[in-house]
Amino acid sequence: MSAHFADRLLAAIRAKGAPVCVGLDPVYQRLPADLTARAGLDDARDLESVLDAVREFCRAVIRIVAPIVPAVKINSAFFERYYTDGVEAYFDLVREASAAKLIVIGDVKRADIGHSSGLYARGHLSDPDFAALDGLVAPDAITVNPYFGLDGIKPFLEVAREQSKGLFALVQTSNPSAIEVQGLTLADGTTVGERVAALVNTWAGGDGLLGDSGYSLLGAVVSPRDETSTRKLRAAMPNCMFLVPGFGAQGKTAEQIRNCFKPDGTGALVNASRSVLYAYEDTKYTQMYASQWERCVEHACRDFVAAVASIVPD
């Protein structure tokens, strides 16, 4: 891997014609019934049974979406819940998605200070430097929390620059209560979220961080709240790719995410998780495919791509 992360991401988006990624947030209780009813996968009290079902489901989803989208976002929380075996499953799926030629984003939301931050960066973003781990790879990018300031982000930036990886710093998140912090007004009239955006923009322009595309390896997680705030954040971070959560099951529509893109149609990667993963729970798809859950997921993924494509500027 040698190309700059943002350049690779933009090339992958162009190749698929889809500025989107599919989130892998698997919950055993919501997996397809024909999967969890299978012998060896049917015991919700048995860790091995549950994880085997989760792995099989995620592998199938990766196989389905790989020809359609440029990237997947794997949320580590849905695997850490299963302790050491779950962490192993997370890295197994990172490897499988990477082998499927997908850009892999690890949704880990890590940060700290000093040595702790450096070790988080090595543990979650760096490819292994130990012997006998040749088959293990880290994600192409991860999410990070900018609350600690540059001290917390700098070790991640160093690893990302060294290994041609990427980062997405949390700026405006999709949870309803985020506005209680991110929306607070500071003495100069800006909000906390806008101030964080200004800091992220400054960090993004550091030495060796910009690619040939003009985008930095440091991007931002931005969920559109309203047209005004989204336009402000887009203008405040011109060199940052946006990772855009909230589409689909969380209620954000294609029209609402329009202002995350620049006029040239670049600058954003829109994520959908549950609306694609659990499409077999939606009568829109089950009426067409009955119990063929994989066909439901594929159709929902293609609908997601089409919905976003319909609002992306040419």
Protein backbone atom coordinates (compact mmCIF):
# COMPACT_ATOMS: atom_id res chain seq x y z
CA MET A 1 0.00 0.00 0.00
CA SER A 2 1.59 3.26 -1.07
CA ALA A 3 -1.02 5.67 -2.42
CA HIS A 4 -2.33 8.40 -0.12
CA PHE A 5 -5.51 7.30 1.70
CA ALA A 6 -7.78 10.07 0.40
CA ASP A 7 -6.52 9.52 -3.15
CA ARG A 8 -7.20 5.78 -2.86
CA LEU A 9 -10.66 6.42 -1.43
CA LEU A 10 -11.59 8.84 -4.21
CA ALA A 11 -10.30 6.41 -6.85
CA ALA A 12 -12.41 3.62 -5.33
CA ILE A 13 -15.47 5.88 -5.29
CA ARG A 14 -14.97 6.76 -8.94
CA ALA A 15 -14.47 3.12 -9.90
CA LYS A 16 -17.77 2.07 -8.32
CA GLY A 17 -19.62 5.30 -9.09
CA ALA A 18 -20.80 5.26 -5.49
CA PRO A 19 -19.69 7.66 -2.71
CA VAL A 20 -21.05 5.30 -0.06
CA CYS A 21 -20.04 2.64 2.40
CA VAL A 22 -21.97 -0.11 4.15
CA GLY A 23 -21.66 -0.40 7.91
CA LEU A 24 -21.28 -3.79 9.56
CA ASP A 25 -23.06 -3.57 12.92
CA PRO A 26 -24.25 -7.17 13.39
CA VAL A 27 -26.66 -8.12 16.19
CA TYR A 28 -27.21 -11.87 16.59
CA GLN A 29 -30.88 -11.53 17.49
CA ARG A 30 -31.55 -9.76 14.16
CA LEU A 31 -29.69 -12.16 11.90
CA PRO A 32 -31.73 -14.09 9.30
CA ALA A 33 -33.79 -16.85 10.88
CA ASP A 34 -32.55 -19.50 8.46
CA LEU A 35 -29.00 -18.68 9.61
CA THR A 36 -29.57 -18.70 13.36
CA ALA A 37 -31.73 -21.84 13.14
CA ARG A 38 -28.85 -23.82 11.66
CA ALA A 39 -27.21 -26.45 13.84
CA GLY A 40 -24.15 -25.01 15.53
CA LEU A 41 -25.36 -21.42 15.06
CA ASP A 42 -28.61 -21.69 17.00
CA ASP A 43 -27.61 -21.20 20.63
CA ALA A 44 -27.84 -17.57 21.73
CA ARG A 45 -26.23 -18.50 25.07
CA ASP A 46 -23.14 -20.04 23.48
CA LEU A 47 -20.38 -17.59 22.53
CA GLU A 48 -18.93 -19.78 19.78
CA SER A 49 -22.36 -20.36 18.24
CA VAL A 50 -23.21 -16.65 18.24
CA LEU A 51 -19.86 -15.55 16.83
CA ASP A 52 -19.91 -18.20 14.11
CA ALA A 53 -23.32 -16.92 13.01
CA VAL A 54 -22.16 -13.30 13.10
CA ARG A 55 -19.03 -14.12 11.08
CA GLU A 56 -20.98 -16.07 8.47
CA PHE A 57 -23.51 -13.26 8.11
CA CYS A 58 -20.84 -10.56 7.77
CA ARG A 59 -18.83 -12.60 5.29
CA ALA A 60 -21.95 -12.96 3.15
CA VAL A 61 -22.66 -9.23 3.35
CA ILE A 62 -19.08 -8.42 2.33
CA ARG A 63 -19.40 -10.76 -0.64
CA ILE A 64 -22.71 -9.18 -1.66
CA VAL A 65 -21.71 -5.51 -1.40
CA ALA A 66 -18.10 -5.72 -2.65
CA PRO A 67 -19.07 -5.37 -6.35
CA ILE A 68 -21.39 -2.44 -5.56
CA VAL A 69 -19.70 -0.13 -3.05
CA PRO A 70 -16.10 1.06 -2.52
CA ALA A 71 -15.96 0.70 1.28
CA VAL A 72 -17.28 -0.91 4.42
CA LYS A 73 -17.26 0.46 7.97
CA ILE A 74 -16.88 -2.18 10.67
CA ASN A 75 -18.01 -1.09 14.13
CA SER A 76 -15.70 -2.70 16.68
CA ALA A 77 -18.24 -2.36 19.50
CA PHE A 78 -20.40 -5.07 17.93
CA PHE A 79 -17.44 -7.45 18.20
CA GLU A 80 -15.78 -6.31 21.43
CA ARG A 81 -19.03 -7.28 23.13
CA TYR A 82 -17.85 -10.89 22.61
CA TYR A 83 -14.52 -10.35 24.39
CA THR A 84 -11.27 -11.77 23.00
CA ASP A 85 -13.02 -13.98 20.44
CA GLY A 86 -14.95 -10.98 19.21
CA VAL A 87 -11.81 -8.90 18.70
CA GLU A 88 -10.35 -11.78 16.68
CA ALA A 89 -13.54 -11.90 14.59
CA TYR A 90 -13.31 -8.14 13.98
CA PHE A 91 -9.79 -8.43 12.58
CA ASP A 92 -10.77 -11.50 10.56
CA LEU A 93 -13.48 -9.46 8.85
CA VAL A 94 -11.10 -6.54 8.29
CA ARG A 95 -8.85 -8.98 6.45
CA GLU A 96 -11.71 -10.49 4.44
CA ALA A 97 -13.06 -7.08 3.40
CA SER A 98 -9.58 -5.96 2.42
CA ALA A 99 -9.12 -9.14 0.37
CA ALA A 100 -12.39 -8.26 -1.39
CA LYS A 101 -10.70 -5.01 -2.52
CA LEU A 102 -12.83 -2.83 -0.26
CA ILE A 103 -11.62 0.23 1.61
CA VAL A 104 -12.05 -0.78 5.25
CA ILE A 105 -12.91 1.77 7.93
CA GLY A 106 -12.65 0.64 11.53
CA ASP A 107 -15.24 2.48 13.59
CA VAL A 108 -13.36 2.46 16.89
CA LYS A 109 -13.62 6.10 18.08
CA ARG A 110 -10.31 5.95 19.93
CA ALA A 111 -8.10 8.65 21.43
CA ASP A 112 -6.19 9.40 24.60
CA ILE A 113 -3.01 11.26 25.51
CA GLY A 114 0.69 10.47 25.37
CA HIS A 115 1.73 6.85 25.19
CA SER A 116 -1.87 5.63 25.46
CA SER A 117 -2.85 7.40 22.26
CA GLY A 118 0.24 6.07 20.51
CA LEU A 119 -0.60 2.51 21.50
CA TYR A 120 -4.22 2.91 20.40
CA ALA A 121 -2.88 4.09 17.05
CA ARG A 122 -0.58 1.08 16.75
CA GLY A 123 -3.25 -1.35 17.91
CA HIS A 124 -6.05 -0.14 15.65
CA LEU A 125 -4.47 1.51 12.61
CA SER A 126 -0.98 0.11 12.18
CA ASP A 127 -0.35 -3.11 10.28
CA PRO A 128 1.34 -5.57 12.66
CA ASP A 129 5.08 -5.40 13.22
CA PHE A 130 5.30 -8.74 15.02
CA ALA A 131 6.49 -11.99 13.47
CA ALA A 132 3.95 -14.72 12.60
CA LEU A 133 1.15 -12.20 12.03
CA ASP A 134 1.56 -11.91 8.28
CA GLY A 135 -2.12 -12.65 7.66
CA LEU A 136 -3.38 -9.87 9.93
CA VAL A 137 -4.06 -6.41 8.55
CA ALA A 138 -5.41 -3.25 10.15
CA PRO A 139 -8.16 -1.12 8.60
CA ASP A 140 -7.38 1.47 5.94
CA ALA A 141 -8.80 4.14 8.25
CA ILE A 142 -10.35 4.50 11.67
CA THR A 143 -12.56 6.97 13.52
CA VAL A 144 -10.96 9.05 16.28
CA ASN A 145 -12.21 11.35 19.01
CA PRO A 146 -10.74 14.90 18.90
CA TYR A 147 -11.80 15.77 22.47
CA PHE A 148 -8.18 15.46 23.71
CA GLY A 149 -6.95 18.01 21.19
CA LEU A 150 -3.86 17.61 19.05
CA ASP A 151 -2.09 15.63 21.80
CA GLY A 152 -4.64 12.89 21.34
CA ILE A 153 -4.73 12.98 17.54
CA LYS A 154 -1.04 13.45 16.70
CA PRO A 155 0.04 9.81 17.29
CA PHE A 156 -2.72 8.66 14.93
CA LEU A 157 -1.63 11.20 12.31
CA GLU A 158 1.94 9.92 12.54
CA VAL A 159 0.90 6.29 11.98
CA ALA A 160 -1.50 7.27 9.21
CA ARG A 161 1.17 9.29 7.38
CA GLU A 162 3.75 6.53 7.85
CA GLN A 163 1.47 3.76 6.55
CA SER A 164 -0.73 5.61 4.02
CA LYS A 165 -3.76 5.18 6.24
CA GLY A 166 -6.65 7.52 7.06
CA LEU A 167 -8.57 9.01 9.98
CA PHE A 168 -12.04 10.46 10.49
CA ALA A 169 -12.36 12.78 13.51
CA LEU A 170 -15.76 13.11 15.17
CA VAL A 171 -17.14 16.59 14.50
CA GLN A 172 -20.93 16.38 14.26
CA THR A 173 -22.43 13.04 15.21
CA SER A 174 -25.84 11.56 14.48
CA ASN A 175 -27.13 10.91 18.02
CA PRO A 176 -29.92 13.28 19.13
CA SER A 177 -28.29 14.45 22.38
CA ALA A 178 -25.00 15.37 20.66
CA ILE A 179 -26.31 18.90 20.19
CA GLU A 180 -26.19 19.34 23.99
CA VAL A 181 -22.40 19.50 23.66
CA GLN A 182 -21.64 20.08 19.98
CA GLY A 183 -24.27 22.81 19.73
CA LEU A 184 -23.12 24.87 22.72
CA THR A 185 -22.38 28.47 21.77
CA LEU A 186 -18.95 29.86 22.65
CA ALA A 187 -18.06 33.46 23.48
CA ASP A 188 -17.22 34.28 19.86
CA GLY A 189 -20.63 33.08 18.66
CA THR A 190 -19.42 29.80 17.15
CA THR A 191 -20.53 26.41 18.42
CA VAL A 192 -18.36 23.73 19.95
CA GLY A 193 -18.83 21.67 16.79
CA GLU A 194 -17.70 24.56 14.60
CA ARG A 195 -14.65 25.12 16.78
CA VAL A 196 -13.74 21.44 16.56
CA ALA A 197 -14.16 21.66 12.77
CA ALA A 198 -11.70 24.57 12.66
CA LEU A 199 -9.16 22.58 14.66
CA VAL A 200 -9.59 19.50 12.47
CA ASN A 201 -9.09 21.66 9.39
CA THR A 202 -5.84 23.04 10.82
CA TRP A 203 -4.57 19.56 11.72
CA ALA A 204 -5.59 18.23 8.30
CA GLY A 205 -3.19 20.64 6.58
CA GLY A 206 -0.11 19.39 8.43
CA ASP A 207 3.11 18.40 6.68
CA GLY A 208 2.69 15.40 4.39
CA LEU A 209 -1.01 14.96 5.10
CA LEU A 210 -2.51 16.25 1.83
CA GLY A 211 -2.78 13.95 -1.17
CA ASP A 212 -2.64 14.76 -4.87
CA SER A 213 -6.42 15.17 -4.77
CA GLY A 214 -6.11 18.07 -2.33
CA TYR A 215 -7.82 16.05 0.40
CA SER A 216 -6.11 15.21 3.67
CA LEU A 217 -5.70 11.78 5.19
CA LEU A 218 -7.58 13.34 8.13
CA GLY A 219 -11.29 13.52 7.41
CA ALA A 220 -14.29 14.27 9.60
CA VAL A 221 -17.39 12.45 10.77
CA VAL A 222 -20.25 14.82 9.95
CA SER A 223 -23.91 13.92 10.22
CA PRO A 224 -26.12 16.62 8.67
CA ARG A 225 -28.27 18.33 11.29
CA ASP A 226 -29.68 21.16 9.19
CA GLU A 227 -28.74 22.93 5.97
CA THR A 228 -27.06 25.91 7.65
CA SER A 229 -24.79 23.95 9.99
CA THR A 230 -23.88 21.44 7.28
CA ARG A 231 -22.89 24.20 4.85
CA LYS A 232 -20.77 25.84 7.56
CA LEU A 233 -18.94 22.62 8.32
CA ARG A 234 -18.36 21.86 4.66
CA ALA A 235 -16.88 25.33 4.13
CA ALA A 236 -14.81 25.07 7.33
CA MET A 237 -13.06 21.84 6.30
CA PRO A 238 -12.36 22.13 2.56
CA ASN A 239 -9.54 19.56 2.60
CA CYS A 240 -11.41 16.94 4.63
CA MET A 241 -13.38 14.00 3.35
CA PHE A 242 -16.62 13.65 5.30
CA LEU A 243 -17.77 10.27 6.63
CA VAL A 244 -21.52 10.80 6.84
CA PRO A 245 -23.53 8.64 9.28
CA GLY A 246 -27.26 8.66 9.86
CA PHE A 247 -28.60 7.67 6.44
CA GLY A 248 -31.50 5.24 6.28
CA ALA A 249 -32.49 3.69 9.61
CA GLN A 250 -31.39 6.78 11.56
CA GLY A 251 -33.65 8.95 9.46
CA LYS A 252 -31.33 11.04 7.28
CA THR A 253 -32.51 11.26 3.69
CA ALA A 254 -30.52 11.69 0.50
CA GLU A 255 -31.66 15.30 0.27
CA GLN A 256 -30.36 16.05 3.78
CA ILE A 257 -26.87 14.81 2.99
CA ARG A 258 -26.56 16.83 -0.24
CA ASN A 259 -24.61 19.66 1.42
CA CYS A 260 -21.93 17.28 2.71
CA PHE A 261 -20.62 17.18 -0.87
CA LYS A 262 -18.72 19.89 -2.67
CA PRO A 263 -20.12 21.33 -5.93
CA ASP A 264 -17.87 18.96 -7.89
CA GLY A 265 -19.52 15.93 -6.27
CA THR A 266 -16.54 14.96 -4.10
CA GLY A 267 -15.86 15.28 -0.40
CA ALA A 268 -18.22 12.80 1.25
CA LEU A 269 -18.66 9.10 1.88
CA VAL A 270 -22.18 8.29 3.08
CA ASN A 271 -22.69 5.34 5.41
CA ALA A 272 -25.76 3.12 5.79
CA SER A 273 -25.83 0.19 8.17
CA ARG A 274 -29.15 -1.22 9.39
CA SER A 275 -31.19 -0.21 6.33
CA VAL A 276 -28.91 -2.43 4.22
CA LEU A 277 -27.90 -5.13 6.71
CA TYR A 278 -31.44 -5.93 7.79
CA ALA A 279 -33.24 -5.31 4.51
CA TYR A 280 -34.90 -8.73 4.91
CA GLU A 281 -36.98 -7.20 7.73
CA ASP A 282 -38.45 -4.64 5.28
CA THR A 283 -41.64 -5.68 3.50
CA LYS A 284 -40.50 -3.65 0.48
CA TYR A 285 -37.87 -6.31 -0.14
CA THR A 286 -39.52 -9.41 1.32
CA GLN A 287 -42.46 -8.93 -1.05
CA MET A 288 -40.00 -9.35 -3.91
CA TYR A 289 -37.70 -12.01 -2.48
CA ALA A 290 -39.62 -13.71 0.33
CA SER A 291 -37.03 -15.52 2.47
CA GLN A 292 -34.04 -14.84 0.19
CA TRP A 293 -32.31 -12.54 2.63
CA GLU A 294 -29.18 -12.11 0.52
CA ARG A 295 -31.23 -10.80 -2.40
CA CYS A 296 -32.91 -8.34 -0.03
CA VAL A 297 -29.52 -7.04 1.16
CA GLU A 298 -28.25 -6.69 -2.41
CA HIS A 299 -31.34 -4.81 -3.59
CA ALA A 300 -31.27 -2.50 -0.57
CA CYS A 301 -27.58 -1.79 -1.21
CA ARG A 302 -28.27 -0.89 -4.84
CA ASP A 303 -31.19 1.33 -3.75
CA PHE A 304 -28.87 3.07 -1.27
CA VAL A 305 -26.31 3.74 -3.99
CA ALA A 306 -28.99 5.07 -6.34
CA ALA A 307 -30.50 7.34 -3.67
CA VAL A 308 -27.16 8.97 -2.90
CA ALA A 309 -26.18 9.19 -6.57
CA SER A 310 -29.41 11.07 -7.28
CA ILE A 311 -28.31 14.06 -5.18
CA VAL A 312 -24.55 14.12 -5.80
CA PRO A 313 -23.59 17.10 -8.00
CA ASP A 314 -22.22 16.15 -11.42
